[in-house]
């Protein structure tokens, strides 16, 4: 279903990962877990390009709300529903790298208004 989204043309990339430690370690006994023996292929799309294309989507032409917020249930537990309600958004806002993200978002919006 997600591959049917028509907006954007970010290509899929992949790389291989595998366990790179000795399988006969002195502190490990027993059969090796299958994941330690297999080669795994990880697929991804360029996250910066995906975000750029999302922000260039005409559905967002009137802007987006980038405000962080928290929603709590009656027991006081945080309810995660959207990107801006999650820990990742908060971590980015208080991170030294948030300036980089801010420059990225402002450049995208600047390009759209030209």
N, C-alpha and C. Protein backbone atom coordinates (compact mmCIF):
# COMPACT_ATOMS: atom_id res chain seq x y z
N UNK A 1 0.82 -1.19 0.00
CA UNK A 1 0.00 0.00 0.00
C UNK A 1 0.87 1.26 0.00
N UNK A 2 1.93 1.29 0.83
CA UNK A 2 2.75 2.50 0.91
C UNK A 2 3.45 2.79 -0.41
N UNK A 3 3.77 1.77 -1.17
CA UNK A 3 4.42 1.98 -2.46
C UNK A 3 3.47 2.56 -3.50
N UNK A 4 2.18 2.61 -3.21
CA UNK A 4 1.21 3.17 -4.14
C UNK A 4 1.07 4.68 -3.99
N UNK A 5 1.75 5.28 -3.00
CA UNK A 5 1.68 6.73 -2.83
C UNK A 5 2.33 7.37 -4.04
N UNK A 6 1.59 8.28 -4.68
CA UNK A 6 2.06 8.83 -5.96
C UNK A 6 2.94 10.06 -5.81
N UNK A 7 3.00 10.67 -4.64
CA UNK A 7 3.78 11.88 -4.46
C UNK A 7 5.23 11.51 -4.16
N UNK A 8 6.14 12.08 -4.93
CA UNK A 8 7.56 11.84 -4.67
C UNK A 8 8.13 10.72 -5.51
N UNK A 9 9.42 10.77 -5.66
CA UNK A 9 10.09 9.75 -6.47
C UNK A 9 11.40 9.32 -5.82
N UNK A 10 11.43 9.30 -4.49
CA UNK A 10 12.64 8.87 -3.78
C UNK A 10 12.88 7.39 -4.05
N UNK A 11 14.06 7.09 -4.54
CA UNK A 11 14.39 5.71 -4.88
C UNK A 11 14.73 4.89 -3.64
N UNK A 12 14.50 3.60 -3.75
CA UNK A 12 14.90 2.69 -2.69
C UNK A 12 16.38 2.38 -2.82
N UNK A 13 17.07 2.29 -1.69
CA UNK A 13 18.46 1.87 -1.61
C UNK A 13 18.53 0.72 -0.63
N UNK A 14 19.62 0.00 -0.64
CA UNK A 14 19.77 -1.07 0.33
C UNK A 14 21.24 -1.28 0.66
N UNK A 15 21.47 -1.91 1.80
CA UNK A 15 22.81 -2.31 2.18
C UNK A 15 22.70 -3.60 2.98
N UNK A 16 23.81 -4.29 3.11
CA UNK A 16 23.84 -5.57 3.82
C UNK A 16 24.47 -5.38 5.19
N UNK A 17 23.93 -6.08 6.18
CA UNK A 17 24.51 -6.08 7.52
C UNK A 17 24.62 -7.51 8.01
N UNK A 18 25.59 -7.75 8.87
CA UNK A 18 25.77 -9.07 9.45
C UNK A 18 26.50 -8.91 10.77
N UNK A 19 26.39 -9.91 11.59
CA UNK A 19 27.07 -9.93 12.88
C UNK A 19 28.56 -10.08 12.63
N UNK A 20 29.34 -9.23 13.25
CA UNK A 20 30.76 -9.18 12.93
C UNK A 20 31.63 -9.43 14.15
N UNK A 21 31.25 -10.41 14.94
CA UNK A 21 32.06 -10.75 16.09
C UNK A 21 32.32 -12.25 16.05
N UNK A 22 33.24 -12.66 16.85
CA UNK A 22 33.54 -14.10 16.87
C UNK A 22 32.34 -14.88 17.37
N UNK A 23 32.05 -15.96 16.70
CA UNK A 23 30.91 -16.80 17.09
C UNK A 23 31.29 -17.80 18.17
N UNK A 24 32.56 -17.91 18.48
CA UNK A 24 32.99 -18.89 19.47
C UNK A 24 33.51 -18.20 20.73
N UNK A 25 32.91 -17.08 21.10
CA UNK A 25 33.36 -16.31 22.25
C UNK A 25 33.34 -17.12 23.53
N UNK A 26 34.30 -16.84 24.39
CA UNK A 26 34.41 -17.57 25.65
C UNK A 26 33.24 -17.30 26.58
N UNK A 27 32.61 -16.14 26.45
CA UNK A 27 31.51 -15.80 27.34
C UNK A 27 30.15 -16.22 26.78
N UNK A 28 30.14 -16.97 25.71
CA UNK A 28 28.88 -17.42 25.12
C UNK A 28 28.95 -18.91 24.87
N UNK A 29 27.94 -19.61 25.37
CA UNK A 29 27.88 -21.04 25.10
C UNK A 29 26.49 -21.36 24.58
N UNK A 30 26.41 -22.39 23.80
CA UNK A 30 25.13 -22.77 23.24
C UNK A 30 25.07 -22.47 21.76
N UNK A 31 23.96 -22.82 21.15
CA UNK A 31 23.83 -22.58 19.71
C UNK A 31 23.74 -21.09 19.40
N UNK A 32 24.32 -20.70 18.29
CA UNK A 32 24.28 -19.30 17.87
C UNK A 32 22.89 -18.97 17.35
N UNK A 33 22.34 -17.81 17.75
CA UNK A 33 21.05 -17.41 17.19
C UNK A 33 21.16 -17.24 15.68
N UNK A 34 20.07 -17.52 14.99
CA UNK A 34 20.06 -17.47 13.53
C UNK A 34 20.47 -16.09 13.00
N UNK A 35 20.03 -15.02 13.69
CA UNK A 35 20.35 -13.68 13.19
C UNK A 35 21.86 -13.43 13.18
N UNK A 36 22.61 -14.13 14.04
CA UNK A 36 24.06 -13.95 14.07
C UNK A 36 24.74 -14.59 12.87
N UNK A 37 24.08 -15.54 12.26
CA UNK A 37 24.66 -16.27 11.15
C UNK A 37 24.22 -15.75 9.79
N UNK A 38 23.11 -15.06 9.74
CA UNK A 38 22.52 -14.59 8.47
C UNK A 38 23.07 -13.24 8.04
N UNK A 39 22.95 -12.98 6.75
CA UNK A 39 23.20 -11.66 6.18
C UNK A 39 21.83 -11.03 5.97
N UNK A 40 21.68 -9.78 6.42
CA UNK A 40 20.39 -9.10 6.36
C UNK A 40 20.48 -7.92 5.40
N UNK A 41 19.47 -7.77 4.57
CA UNK A 41 19.42 -6.64 3.64
C UNK A 41 18.46 -5.60 4.20
N UNK A 42 18.95 -4.38 4.35
CA UNK A 42 18.18 -3.27 4.90
C UNK A 42 17.81 -2.35 3.74
N UNK A 43 16.52 -2.07 3.58
CA UNK A 43 16.04 -1.18 2.54
C UNK A 43 15.66 0.16 3.16
N UNK A 44 15.93 1.23 2.45
CA UNK A 44 15.60 2.56 2.95
C UNK A 44 15.48 3.53 1.78
N UNK A 45 14.85 4.64 2.05
CA UNK A 45 14.83 5.77 1.12
C UNK A 45 15.55 6.92 1.81
N UNK A 46 16.15 7.80 1.02
CA UNK A 46 16.88 8.93 1.58
C UNK A 46 15.92 9.76 2.44
N UNK A 47 16.11 9.78 3.77
CA UNK A 47 15.15 10.48 4.62
C UNK A 47 15.05 11.97 4.33
N UNK A 48 16.16 12.62 3.99
CA UNK A 48 16.10 14.05 3.69
C UNK A 48 15.26 14.30 2.43
N UNK A 49 15.42 13.45 1.42
CA UNK A 49 14.63 13.60 0.20
C UNK A 49 13.16 13.32 0.46
N UNK A 50 12.87 12.32 1.27
CA UNK A 50 11.48 12.01 1.60
C UNK A 50 10.82 13.18 2.32
N UNK A 51 11.51 13.75 3.31
CA UNK A 51 10.95 14.90 4.03
C UNK A 51 10.79 16.09 3.09
N UNK A 52 11.78 16.32 2.24
CA UNK A 52 11.70 17.42 1.27
C UNK A 52 10.47 17.25 0.39
N UNK A 53 10.23 16.05 -0.10
CA UNK A 53 9.09 15.81 -0.96
C UNK A 53 7.77 15.90 -0.20
N UNK A 54 7.78 15.48 1.05
CA UNK A 54 6.56 15.62 1.86
C UNK A 54 6.21 17.09 2.03
N UNK A 55 7.21 17.91 2.32
CA UNK A 55 6.95 19.33 2.53
C UNK A 55 6.59 20.05 1.24
N UNK A 56 7.03 19.52 0.11
CA UNK A 56 6.69 20.11 -1.18
C UNK A 56 5.31 19.67 -1.66
N UNK A 57 4.68 18.77 -0.95
CA UNK A 57 3.36 18.27 -1.31
C UNK A 57 2.35 19.42 -1.29
N UNK A 58 1.56 19.59 -2.35
CA UNK A 58 0.60 20.69 -2.40
C UNK A 58 -0.45 20.63 -1.29
N UNK A 59 -0.65 19.49 -0.68
CA UNK A 59 -1.59 19.41 0.44
C UNK A 59 -1.16 20.29 1.61
N UNK A 60 0.13 20.64 1.66
CA UNK A 60 0.66 21.47 2.75
C UNK A 60 0.93 22.91 2.29
N UNK A 61 0.32 23.33 1.21
CA UNK A 61 0.63 24.65 0.64
C UNK A 61 0.30 25.81 1.57
N UNK A 62 -0.65 25.60 2.47
CA UNK A 62 -1.01 26.67 3.40
C UNK A 62 -0.20 26.60 4.69
N UNK A 63 0.77 25.71 4.73
CA UNK A 63 1.65 25.62 5.88
C UNK A 63 1.41 24.38 6.71
N UNK A 64 2.28 24.20 7.68
CA UNK A 64 2.20 23.08 8.61
C UNK A 64 2.42 23.61 10.01
N UNK A 65 1.87 22.92 10.97
CA UNK A 65 2.07 23.29 12.37
C UNK A 65 3.22 22.46 12.92
N UNK A 66 4.32 23.12 13.25
CA UNK A 66 5.50 22.43 13.76
C UNK A 66 5.58 22.50 15.28
N UNK A 67 4.49 22.84 15.93
CA UNK A 67 4.49 22.95 17.39
C UNK A 67 4.58 21.58 18.05
N UNK A 68 5.41 21.50 19.06
CA UNK A 68 5.48 20.28 19.85
C UNK A 68 4.32 20.26 20.82
N UNK A 69 3.80 19.10 21.12
CA UNK A 69 2.73 19.01 22.11
C UNK A 69 2.72 17.64 22.76
N UNK A 70 2.12 17.57 23.92
CA UNK A 70 1.97 16.30 24.63
C UNK A 70 0.50 16.10 24.94
N UNK A 71 0.04 14.90 24.78
CA UNK A 71 -1.33 14.52 25.12
C UNK A 71 -1.21 13.41 26.15
N UNK A 72 -1.93 13.56 27.26
CA UNK A 72 -1.87 12.56 28.32
C UNK A 72 -3.26 11.96 28.53
N UNK A 73 -3.29 10.68 28.84
CA UNK A 73 -4.57 10.04 29.14
C UNK A 73 -4.93 10.31 30.60
N UNK A 74 -6.04 9.77 31.05
CA UNK A 74 -6.53 10.04 32.41
C UNK A 74 -5.58 9.50 33.48
N UNK A 75 -4.73 8.53 33.12
CA UNK A 75 -3.77 7.98 34.07
C UNK A 75 -2.44 8.73 34.06
N UNK A 76 -2.33 9.74 33.22
CA UNK A 76 -1.11 10.54 33.14
C UNK A 76 -0.05 9.99 32.20
N UNK A 77 -0.38 8.96 31.44
CA UNK A 77 0.58 8.39 30.48
C UNK A 77 0.51 9.18 29.17
N UNK A 78 1.66 9.41 28.60
CA UNK A 78 1.72 10.16 27.33
C UNK A 78 1.12 9.32 26.21
N UNK A 79 0.31 9.96 25.38
CA UNK A 79 -0.31 9.30 24.23
C UNK A 79 0.41 9.77 22.97
N UNK A 80 1.06 8.86 22.29
CA UNK A 80 1.78 9.19 21.06
C UNK A 80 0.89 8.91 19.88
N UNK A 81 0.66 9.95 19.06
CA UNK A 81 -0.20 9.75 17.91
C UNK A 81 0.40 10.32 16.64
N UNK A 82 1.02 11.47 16.73
CA UNK A 82 1.58 12.14 15.57
C UNK A 82 3.07 12.41 15.80
N UNK A 83 3.76 12.74 14.73
CA UNK A 83 5.20 13.00 14.82
C UNK A 83 5.52 14.04 15.89
N UNK A 84 4.77 15.13 15.92
CA UNK A 84 5.11 16.21 16.83
C UNK A 84 4.70 15.93 18.27
N UNK A 85 4.04 14.80 18.53
CA UNK A 85 3.70 14.43 19.90
C UNK A 85 4.67 13.41 20.47
N UNK A 86 5.66 13.04 19.69
CA UNK A 86 6.58 11.98 20.12
C UNK A 86 7.86 12.49 20.73
N UNK A 87 8.60 11.57 21.32
CA UNK A 87 9.87 11.91 21.94
C UNK A 87 10.89 12.37 20.91
N UNK A 88 10.83 11.82 19.68
CA UNK A 88 11.81 12.21 18.66
C UNK A 88 11.72 13.71 18.39
N UNK A 89 10.50 14.24 18.25
CA UNK A 89 10.34 15.67 17.97
C UNK A 89 10.92 16.50 19.11
N UNK A 90 10.65 16.10 20.34
CA UNK A 90 11.18 16.83 21.48
C UNK A 90 12.71 16.75 21.50
N UNK A 91 13.24 15.57 21.28
CA UNK A 91 14.70 15.41 21.27
C UNK A 91 15.34 16.30 20.21
N UNK A 92 14.70 16.43 19.06
CA UNK A 92 15.24 17.28 18.00
C UNK A 92 15.20 18.74 18.40
N UNK A 93 14.14 19.14 19.09
CA UNK A 93 13.99 20.55 19.48
C UNK A 93 15.05 20.97 20.50
N UNK A 94 15.46 20.06 21.35
CA UNK A 94 16.45 20.41 22.37
C UNK A 94 17.85 19.94 22.00
N UNK A 95 18.01 19.44 20.80
CA UNK A 95 19.29 18.93 20.32
C UNK A 95 20.11 20.06 19.70
N UNK A 96 21.45 19.96 19.76
CA UNK A 96 22.26 20.97 19.09
C UNK A 96 22.09 20.93 17.57
N UNK A 97 21.49 19.86 17.07
CA UNK A 97 21.30 19.73 15.63
C UNK A 97 19.98 20.34 15.17
N UNK A 98 19.18 20.89 16.08
CA UNK A 98 17.89 21.43 15.66
C UNK A 98 18.04 22.61 14.71
N UNK A 99 19.15 23.31 14.81
CA UNK A 99 19.38 24.43 13.88
C UNK A 99 19.51 23.91 12.46
N UNK A 100 20.13 22.76 12.29
CA UNK A 100 20.25 22.16 10.97
C UNK A 100 18.87 21.83 10.40
N UNK A 101 18.01 21.25 11.21
CA UNK A 101 16.66 20.94 10.76
C UNK A 101 15.88 22.21 10.43
N UNK A 102 16.03 23.23 11.26
CA UNK A 102 15.33 24.49 11.00
C UNK A 102 15.77 25.09 9.68
N UNK A 103 17.08 25.05 9.40
CA UNK A 103 17.57 25.56 8.11
C UNK A 103 17.00 24.76 6.96
N UNK A 104 16.91 23.44 7.12
CA UNK A 104 16.37 22.59 6.07
C UNK A 104 14.92 22.96 5.79
N UNK A 105 14.09 23.03 6.85
CA UNK A 105 12.67 23.34 6.66
C UNK A 105 12.49 24.73 6.05
N UNK A 106 13.27 25.71 6.52
CA UNK A 106 13.10 27.06 5.98
C UNK A 106 13.54 27.11 4.52
N UNK A 107 14.56 26.35 4.13
CA UNK A 107 14.98 26.35 2.73
C UNK A 107 13.93 25.71 1.84
N UNK A 108 13.26 24.69 2.35
CA UNK A 108 12.19 24.05 1.56
C UNK A 108 11.06 25.04 1.33
N UNK A 109 10.63 25.73 2.39
CA UNK A 109 9.54 26.68 2.24
C UNK A 109 9.95 27.87 1.39
N UNK A 110 11.22 28.27 1.49
CA UNK A 110 11.71 29.37 0.65
C UNK A 110 11.66 28.98 -0.82
N UNK A 111 12.05 27.76 -1.14
CA UNK A 111 12.03 27.30 -2.52
C UNK A 111 10.59 27.24 -3.05
N UNK A 112 9.65 26.90 -2.19
CA UNK A 112 8.25 26.78 -2.63
C UNK A 112 7.62 28.15 -2.88
N UNK A 113 8.14 29.20 -2.25
CA UNK A 113 7.52 30.52 -2.42
C UNK A 113 8.15 31.31 -3.54
N UNK A 114 9.18 30.79 -4.16
CA UNK A 114 9.83 31.50 -5.27
C UNK A 114 8.98 31.44 -6.51
